[in-house]
C-alpha atoms as a PDB file:
ATOM      1  CA  UNK A   1      83.905 120.268  87.938  1.00  0.00           C
ATOM      2  CA  UNK A   2      85.166 116.894  89.143  1.00  0.00           C
ATOM      3  CA  UNK A   3      82.474 114.338  89.072  1.00  0.00           C
ATOM      4  CA  UNK A   4      82.968 111.344  91.315  1.00  0.00           C
ATOM      5  CA  UNK A   5      85.562 112.996  93.631  1.00  0.00           C
ATOM      6  CA  UNK A   6      84.638 112.289  97.189  1.00  0.00           C
ATOM      7  CA  UNK A   7      87.444 113.997  99.048  1.00  0.00           C
ATOM      8  CA  UNK A   8      87.748 117.596 100.011  1.00  0.00           C
ATOM      9  CA  UNK A   9      91.785 117.690  99.632  1.00  0.00           C
ATOM     10  CA  UNK A  10      93.213 119.132  96.459  1.00  0.00           C
ATOM     11  CA  UNK A  11      95.800 116.283  96.684  1.00  0.00           C
ATOM     12  CA  UNK A  12      94.880 113.509  99.362  1.00  0.00           C
ATOM     13  CA  UNK A  13      98.382 112.036  98.838  1.00  0.00           C
ATOM     14  CA  UNK A  14      99.782 114.972 101.007  1.00  0.00           C
ATOM     15  CA  UNK A  15      97.867 114.003 104.005  1.00  0.00           C
ATOM     16  CA  UNK A  16      97.896 110.154 103.929  1.00  0.00           C
ATOM     17  CA  UNK A  17     100.935 109.707 106.117  1.00  0.00           C
ATOM     18  CA  UNK A  18      99.291 111.933 108.782  1.00  0.00           C
ATOM     19  CA  UNK A  19      96.135 109.994 108.992  1.00  0.00           C
ATOM     20  CA  UNK A  20      95.153 108.274 112.214  1.00  0.00           C
ATOM     21  CA  UNK A  21      97.043 105.082 112.873  1.00  0.00           C
ATOM     22  CA  UNK A  22      99.438 105.239 109.950  1.00  0.00           C
ATOM     23  CA  UNK A  23     102.574 105.309 111.785  1.00  0.00           C
ATOM     24  CA  UNK A  24     101.242 102.317 113.947  1.00  0.00           C
ATOM     25  CA  UNK A  25     100.350 100.462 110.873  1.00  0.00           C
ATOM     26  CA  UNK A  26     103.744 101.222 109.181  1.00  0.00           C
ATOM     27  CA  UNK A  27     105.487  99.840 112.456  1.00  0.00           C
ATOM     28  CA  UNK A  28     103.312  96.702 112.478  1.00  0.00           C
ATOM     29  CA  UNK A  29     104.132  96.107 108.763  1.00  0.00           C
ATOM     30  CA  UNK A  30     107.849  96.238 109.403  1.00  0.00           C
ATOM     31  CA  UNK A  31     107.549  94.012 112.401  1.00  0.00           C
ATOM     32  CA  UNK A  32     105.407  91.636 110.322  1.00  0.00           C
ATOM     33  CA  UNK A  33     108.050  91.570 107.624  1.00  0.00           C
ATOM     34  CA  UNK A  34     110.663  90.746 110.253  1.00  0.00           C
ATOM     35  CA  UNK A  35     108.580  87.973 111.694  1.00  0.00           C
ATOM     36  CA  UNK A  36     108.021  86.539 108.373  1.00  0.00           C
ATOM     37  CA  UNK A  37     111.738  86.552 107.581  1.00  0.00           C
ATOM     38  CA  UNK A  38     112.367  85.007 110.924  1.00  0.00           C
ATOM     39  CA  UNK A  39     110.035  82.050 110.032  1.00  0.00           C
ATOM     40  CA  UNK A  40     112.426  80.994 107.272  1.00  0.00           C
ATOM     41  CA  UNK A  41     114.286  78.160 108.886  1.00  0.00           C
ATOM     42  CA  UNK A  42     117.780  78.839 107.484  1.00  0.00           C
ATOM     43  CA  UNK A  43     117.869  82.546 108.180  1.00  0.00           C
ATOM     44  CA  UNK A  44     119.694  83.468 111.421  1.00  0.00           C
ATOM     45  CA  UNK A  45     118.465  86.640 113.474  1.00  0.00           C
ATOM     46  CA  UNK A  46     121.251  88.896 112.138  1.00  0.00           C
ATOM     47  CA  UNK A  47     120.493  87.838 108.557  1.00  0.00           C
ATOM     48  CA  UNK A  48     116.730  88.498 109.167  1.00  0.00           C
ATOM     49  CA  UNK A  49     117.450  91.935 110.561  1.00  0.00           C
ATOM     50  CA  UNK A  50     119.658  92.689 107.558  1.00  0.00           C
ATOM     51  CA  UNK A  51     116.986  91.502 105.114  1.00  0.00           C
ATOM     52  CA  UNK A  52     114.366  93.485 106.944  1.00  0.00           C
ATOM     53  CA  UNK A  53     116.368  96.571 106.637  1.00  0.00           C
ATOM     54  CA  UNK A  54     117.243  96.077 102.943  1.00  0.00           C
ATOM     55  CA  UNK A  55     113.827  95.235 101.987  1.00  0.00           C
ATOM     56  CA  UNK A  56     112.358  98.173 103.978  1.00  0.00           C
ATOM     57  CA  UNK A  57     114.842 100.546 102.418  1.00  0.00           C
ATOM     58  CA  UNK A  58     114.313  99.441  98.807  1.00  0.00           C
ATOM     59  CA  UNK A  59     110.520  99.609  99.225  1.00  0.00           C
ATOM     60  CA  UNK A  60     110.551 103.035 100.720  1.00  0.00           C
ATOM     61  CA  UNK A  61     112.924 104.258  98.103  1.00  0.00           C
ATOM     62  CA  UNK A  62     110.596 103.138  95.347  1.00  0.00           C
ATOM     63  CA  UNK A  63     107.514 104.321  97.246  1.00  0.00           C
ATOM     64  CA  UNK A  64     108.726 107.662  98.363  1.00  0.00           C
ATOM     65  CA  UNK A  65     111.443 108.611  95.812  1.00  0.00           C
ATOM     66  CA  UNK A  66     111.030 106.786  92.492  1.00  0.00           C
ATOM     67  CA  UNK A  67     107.270 106.738  91.658  1.00  0.00           C
ATOM     68  CA  UNK A  68     105.830 109.962  90.616  1.00  0.00           C
ATOM     69  CA  UNK A  69     102.309 111.023  90.647  1.00  0.00           C
ATOM     70  CA  UNK A  70      99.316 110.179  92.778  1.00  0.00           C
ATOM     71  CA  UNK A  71      96.981 107.226  92.806  1.00  0.00           C
ATOM     72  CA  UNK A  72      93.965 109.457  93.314  1.00  0.00           C
ATOM     73  CA  UNK A  73      92.062 111.691  90.856  1.00  0.00           C
ATOM     74  CA  UNK A  74      93.160 115.153  91.830  1.00  0.00           C
ATOM     75  CA  UNK A  75      91.746 118.605  90.763  1.00  0.00           C
ATOM     76  CA  UNK A  76      95.093 120.201  90.750  1.00  0.00           C
ATOM     77  CA  UNK A  77      95.395 120.135  86.879  1.00  0.00           C
ATOM     78  CA  UNK A  78      98.447 117.735  86.776  1.00  0.00           C
ATOM     79  CA  UNK A  79     100.662 119.573  89.300  1.00  0.00           C
ATOM     80  CA  UNK A  80     101.208 116.333  91.287  1.00  0.00           C
ATOM     81  CA  UNK A  81     102.100 113.957  88.396  1.00  0.00           C
ATOM     82  CA  UNK A  82     105.709 115.475  88.339  1.00  0.00           C
ATOM     83  CA  UNK A  83     106.238 115.154  92.082  1.00  0.00           C
ATOM     84  CA  UNK A  84     107.313 112.122  94.149  1.00  0.00           C
ATOM     85  CA  UNK A  85     105.531 111.201  97.234  1.00  0.00           C
ATOM     86  CA  UNK A  86     108.272 112.731  99.299  1.00  0.00           C
ATOM     87  CA  UNK A  87     107.771 116.114  97.576  1.00  0.00           C
ATOM     88  CA  UNK A  88     104.109 115.901  97.976  1.00  0.00           C
ATOM     89  CA  UNK A  89     104.223 114.935 101.623  1.00  0.00           C
ATOM     90  CA  UNK A  90     102.700 117.748 103.846  1.00  0.00           C
ATOM     91  CA  UNK A  91     102.575 119.964 100.816  1.00  0.00           C
ATOM     92  CA  UNK A  92     106.308 120.187 100.685  1.00  0.00           C
ATOM     93  CA  UNK A  93     106.718 121.707 104.076  1.00  0.00           C
ATOM     94  CA  UNK A  94     110.107 120.667 105.647  1.00  0.00           C
ATOM     95  CA  UNK A  95     110.671 119.356 109.118  1.00  0.00           C
ATOM     96  CA  UNK A  96     107.118 118.174 109.728  1.00  0.00           C
ATOM     97  CA  UNK A  97     106.406 115.262 112.110  1.00  0.00           C
ATOM     98  CA  UNK A  98     105.751 112.829 109.313  1.00  0.00           C
ATOM     99  CA  UNK A  99     108.963 113.809 107.432  1.00  0.00           C
ATOM    100  CA  UNK A 100     110.902 113.451 110.675  1.00  0.00           C
ATOM    101  CA  UNK A 101     109.310 110.019 111.347  1.00  0.00           C
ATOM    102  CA  UNK A 102     110.196 108.712 107.812  1.00  0.00           C
ATOM    103  CA  UNK A 103     113.639 110.030 108.139  1.00  0.00           C
ATOM    104  CA  UNK A 104     114.461 108.421 111.556  1.00  0.00           C
ATOM    105  CA  UNK A 105     112.652 105.231 110.949  1.00  0.00           C
ATOM    106  CA  UNK A 106     115.464 103.665 108.656  1.00  0.00           C
ATOM    107  CA  UNK A 107     118.007 104.891 111.035  1.00  0.00           C
ATOM    108  CA  UNK A 108     116.362 103.137 114.090  1.00  0.00           C
ATOM    109  CA  UNK A 109     115.775 100.037 112.017  1.00  0.00           C
END
């Protein structure tokens, strides 16, 4: 019995990228990062785009591929603690819409 667990998912980390408005928030976050970098006076536009790309790729590498486990308390008896977020995404099913989105977004950027 899990006292204090308010979600019905076994691992809510699997569905967070499919939640409503997540892709829009992701795009707005990348756009905000780019605007912040453009506001630095001595960065040209190409340098700001390059730094946006590098910061985005480093952050997503750490978030999706380096950090293991889940920030939520899960009733899966520790199965998720050995998996990265990319491995947990959509319960490990390949070629889903969110996996395609996170594969194509650095290419477009």
